Structure formats: structure tokens, C-alpha cells
Amino acid sequence: MPRPFGLVLVAVGLGVVLLGLLVWSGALSWLGRLPGDIRIERGNFRVYFPITSMILISLVLTLLINLVRRFF
């Protein structure tokens, strides 16, 4: 396997670990509770549509992927 592939694999692994630490520490607890996220709770019935959170995650991932593509 070529060396750049190994570097990308290590970078992705470090990113996953960093994201896991952020979720574990509670730093991302606001995600899913943004204005525009639809939450319906009645008795033992729950429906949840995280529309705004998914748009935000999509924008961040798009910017990140475009930055990575620009440098590689």
C-alpha cells in the first residue's frame, strides 16, 4: 500500500477518536436540540426529526471534505 494511504488512514482514525472524546465528554450535547429539530413526545410515543442538526453536520462535512481535496 502506498504511504499516503497510510497517512490518510491514521488521520481518519485520529478524527474518529477526537469525535468520540467530544461525544463522551458531553461537549456535543447541544447537537440534536437546535431550533428546527422536530421532537414530538406524547406518553410512550416519541418521534424525532433532527432536520437542523443534519443540515449543520452536512455543511461541516462538505467544507471539511473540500478542504481535504484541495490539499491532496
N, C-alpha and C. Protein backbone atom coordinates (compact mmCIF):
# COMPACT_ATOMS: atom_id res chain seq x y z
N MET A 1 0.85 -1.19 0.00
CA MET A 1 0.00 0.00 0.00
C MET A 1 0.89 1.24 0.00
N PRO A 2 0.48 2.26 -0.72
CA PRO A 2 1.28 3.47 -0.77
C PRO A 2 1.27 4.21 0.57
N ARG A 3 2.31 4.96 0.82
CA ARG A 3 2.46 5.69 2.07
C ARG A 3 1.36 6.72 2.29
N PRO A 4 0.90 7.50 1.30
CA PRO A 4 -0.16 8.48 1.55
C PRO A 4 -1.44 7.85 2.06
N PHE A 5 -1.74 6.64 1.61
CA PHE A 5 -2.95 5.97 2.09
C PHE A 5 -2.85 5.71 3.59
N GLY A 6 -1.68 5.34 4.06
CA GLY A 6 -1.48 5.10 5.49
C GLY A 6 -1.66 6.38 6.29
N LEU A 7 -1.18 7.49 5.78
CA LEU A 7 -1.34 8.77 6.47
C LEU A 7 -2.81 9.19 6.54
N VAL A 8 -3.53 8.96 5.46
CA VAL A 8 -4.96 9.28 5.46
C VAL A 8 -5.70 8.39 6.45
N LEU A 9 -5.34 7.12 6.50
CA LEU A 9 -5.97 6.19 7.43
C LEU A 9 -5.72 6.59 8.89
N VAL A 10 -4.49 7.03 9.20
CA VAL A 10 -4.17 7.50 10.55
C VAL A 10 -4.94 8.77 10.86
N ALA A 11 -5.04 9.68 9.91
CA ALA A 11 -5.77 10.93 10.14
C ALA A 11 -7.25 10.67 10.38
N VAL A 12 -7.84 9.76 9.62
CA VAL A 12 -9.25 9.43 9.82
C VAL A 12 -9.44 8.78 11.19
N GLY A 13 -8.54 7.91 11.59
CA GLY A 13 -8.61 7.27 12.90
C GLY A 13 -8.52 8.29 14.03
N LEU A 14 -7.61 9.24 13.91
CA LEU A 14 -7.49 10.29 14.94
C LEU A 14 -8.75 11.16 14.99
N GLY A 15 -9.34 11.41 13.83
CA GLY A 15 -10.58 12.18 13.79
C GLY A 15 -11.72 11.46 14.48
N VAL A 16 -11.81 10.15 14.27
CA VAL A 16 -12.86 9.35 14.92
C VAL A 16 -12.64 9.35 16.44
N VAL A 17 -11.39 9.22 16.88
CA VAL A 17 -11.10 9.24 18.31
C VAL A 17 -11.46 10.60 18.90
N LEU A 18 -11.11 11.68 18.23
CA LEU A 18 -11.44 13.02 18.70
C LEU A 18 -12.95 13.23 18.79
N LEU A 19 -13.67 12.79 17.79
CA LEU A 19 -15.13 12.89 17.81
C LEU A 19 -15.72 12.06 18.95
N GLY A 20 -15.18 10.88 19.17
CA GLY A 20 -15.63 10.04 20.28
C GLY A 20 -15.40 10.70 21.63
N LEU A 21 -14.25 11.34 21.79
CA LEU A 21 -13.97 12.05 23.05
C LEU A 21 -14.91 13.22 23.26
N LEU A 22 -15.23 13.93 22.18
CA LEU A 22 -16.17 15.06 22.30
C LEU A 22 -17.57 14.58 22.70
N VAL A 23 -18.01 13.49 22.11
CA VAL A 23 -19.33 12.94 22.45
C VAL A 23 -19.33 12.42 23.88
N TRP A 24 -18.28 11.71 24.26
CA TRP A 24 -18.18 11.14 25.60
C TRP A 24 -18.14 12.21 26.69
N SER A 25 -17.47 13.33 26.42
CA SER A 25 -17.34 14.40 27.41
C SER A 25 -18.61 15.24 27.52
N GLY A 26 -19.51 15.13 26.56
CA GLY A 26 -20.74 15.91 26.60
C GLY A 26 -20.62 17.26 25.90
N ALA A 27 -19.52 17.48 25.20
CA ALA A 27 -19.31 18.76 24.51
C ALA A 27 -20.27 18.94 23.34
N LEU A 28 -20.84 17.86 22.83
CA LEU A 28 -21.77 17.95 21.71
C LEU A 28 -23.21 17.69 22.14
N SER A 29 -23.52 17.93 23.40
CA SER A 29 -24.87 17.65 23.89
C SER A 29 -25.91 18.58 23.28
N TRP A 30 -25.50 19.72 22.76
CA TRP A 30 -26.42 20.66 22.12
C TRP A 30 -26.87 20.16 20.75
N LEU A 31 -26.10 19.24 20.17
CA LEU A 31 -26.45 18.71 18.86
C LEU A 31 -27.69 17.84 18.98
N GLY A 32 -28.70 18.15 18.22
CA GLY A 32 -29.97 17.44 18.30
C GLY A 32 -31.02 18.22 19.06
N ARG A 33 -30.62 19.34 19.62
CA ARG A 33 -31.56 20.19 20.36
C ARG A 33 -31.57 21.61 19.79
N LEU A 34 -31.24 21.73 18.54
CA LEU A 34 -31.22 23.04 17.88
C LEU A 34 -32.62 23.47 17.48
N PRO A 35 -32.83 24.79 17.34
CA PRO A 35 -34.12 25.25 16.80
C PRO A 35 -34.30 24.69 15.39
N GLY A 36 -35.42 24.09 15.12
CA GLY A 36 -35.66 23.47 13.83
C GLY A 36 -35.65 21.96 13.89
N ASP A 37 -35.09 21.40 14.97
CA ASP A 37 -35.16 19.96 15.18
C ASP A 37 -36.55 19.66 15.74
N ILE A 38 -37.24 18.76 15.09
CA ILE A 38 -38.63 18.46 15.48
C ILE A 38 -38.63 17.27 16.44
N ARG A 39 -39.24 17.47 17.59
CA ARG A 39 -39.34 16.43 18.62
C ARG A 39 -40.78 16.38 19.12
N ILE A 40 -41.41 15.24 18.99
CA ILE A 40 -42.79 15.05 19.46
C ILE A 40 -42.76 13.93 20.49
N GLU A 41 -43.19 14.25 21.72
CA GLU A 41 -43.22 13.26 22.79
C GLU A 41 -44.61 13.28 23.43
N ARG A 42 -45.29 12.16 23.35
CA ARG A 42 -46.62 12.02 23.95
C ARG A 42 -46.71 10.65 24.61
N GLY A 43 -46.77 10.64 25.91
CA GLY A 43 -46.86 9.37 26.62
C GLY A 43 -45.65 8.51 26.35
N ASN A 44 -45.88 7.33 25.81
CA ASN A 44 -44.75 6.44 25.48
C ASN A 44 -44.46 6.45 23.98
N PHE A 45 -44.86 7.51 23.28
CA PHE A 45 -44.66 7.65 21.84
C PHE A 45 -43.70 8.81 21.59
N ARG A 46 -42.63 8.57 20.85
CA ARG A 46 -41.66 9.62 20.54
C ARG A 46 -41.32 9.60 19.05
N VAL A 47 -41.32 10.79 18.46
CA VAL A 47 -40.88 10.95 17.08
C VAL A 47 -39.86 12.09 17.06
N TYR A 48 -38.77 11.86 16.36
CA TYR A 48 -37.68 12.83 16.38
C TYR A 48 -37.14 13.01 14.97
N PHE A 49 -37.11 14.25 14.48
CA PHE A 49 -36.57 14.60 13.17
C PHE A 49 -35.52 15.68 13.35
N PRO A 50 -34.23 15.34 13.39
CA PRO A 50 -33.17 16.34 13.61
C PRO A 50 -32.79 17.07 12.32
N ILE A 51 -33.71 17.84 11.78
CA ILE A 51 -33.50 18.48 10.49
C ILE A 51 -32.35 19.48 10.53
N THR A 52 -32.39 20.41 11.48
CA THR A 52 -31.35 21.44 11.56
C THR A 52 -29.99 20.84 11.89
N SER A 53 -29.96 19.87 12.77
CA SER A 53 -28.69 19.23 13.12
C SER A 53 -28.07 18.54 11.91
N MET A 54 -28.89 17.86 11.11
CA MET A 54 -28.36 17.16 9.94
C MET A 54 -27.87 18.14 8.87
N ILE A 55 -28.54 19.28 8.72
CA ILE A 55 -28.07 20.31 7.77
C ILE A 55 -26.73 20.85 8.24
N LEU A 56 -26.58 21.10 9.54
CA LEU A 56 -25.32 21.61 10.08
C LEU A 56 -24.20 20.60 9.90
N ILE A 57 -24.46 19.33 10.18
CA ILE A 57 -23.45 18.30 10.00
C ILE A 57 -23.07 18.17 8.53
N SER A 58 -24.05 18.27 7.64
CA SER A 58 -23.78 18.19 6.21
C SER A 58 -22.89 19.33 5.74
N LEU A 59 -23.16 20.54 6.22
CA LEU A 59 -22.33 21.69 5.84
C LEU A 59 -20.90 21.54 6.34
N VAL A 60 -20.74 21.11 7.58
CA VAL A 60 -19.40 20.95 8.15
C VAL A 60 -18.63 19.87 7.41
N LEU A 61 -19.26 18.73 7.13
CA LEU A 61 -18.58 17.67 6.41
C LEU A 61 -18.24 18.08 4.98
N THR A 62 -19.12 18.82 4.33
CA THR A 62 -18.84 19.29 2.97
C THR A 62 -17.63 20.21 2.96
N LEU A 63 -17.57 21.14 3.91
CA LEU A 63 -16.41 22.04 3.99
C LEU A 63 -15.13 21.27 4.29
N LEU A 64 -15.20 20.31 5.19
CA LEU A 64 -14.03 19.52 5.55
C LEU A 64 -13.53 18.69 4.38
N ILE A 65 -14.45 18.05 3.67
CA ILE A 65 -14.05 17.24 2.51
C ILE A 65 -13.46 18.10 1.41
N ASN A 66 -14.03 19.28 1.18
CA ASN A 66 -13.48 20.18 0.16
C ASN A 66 -12.09 20.68 0.54
N LEU A 67 -11.85 20.93 1.82
CA LEU A 67 -10.52 21.35 2.25
C LEU A 67 -9.52 20.21 2.07
N VAL A 68 -9.90 19.00 2.40
CA VAL A 68 -9.00 17.86 2.24
C VAL A 68 -8.70 17.64 0.76
N ARG A 69 -9.70 17.73 -0.09
CA ARG A 69 -9.49 17.54 -1.54
C ARG A 69 -8.59 18.63 -2.11
N ARG A 70 -8.69 19.85 -1.60
CA ARG A 70 -7.89 20.95 -2.10
C ARG A 70 -6.41 20.75 -1.78
N PHE A 71 -6.11 20.18 -0.61
CA PHE A 71 -4.71 20.00 -0.21
C PHE A 71 -4.12 18.69 -0.72
N PHE A 72 -4.94 17.72 -1.10
CA PHE A 72 -4.42 16.47 -1.64
C PHE A 72 -4.79 16.39 -3.09
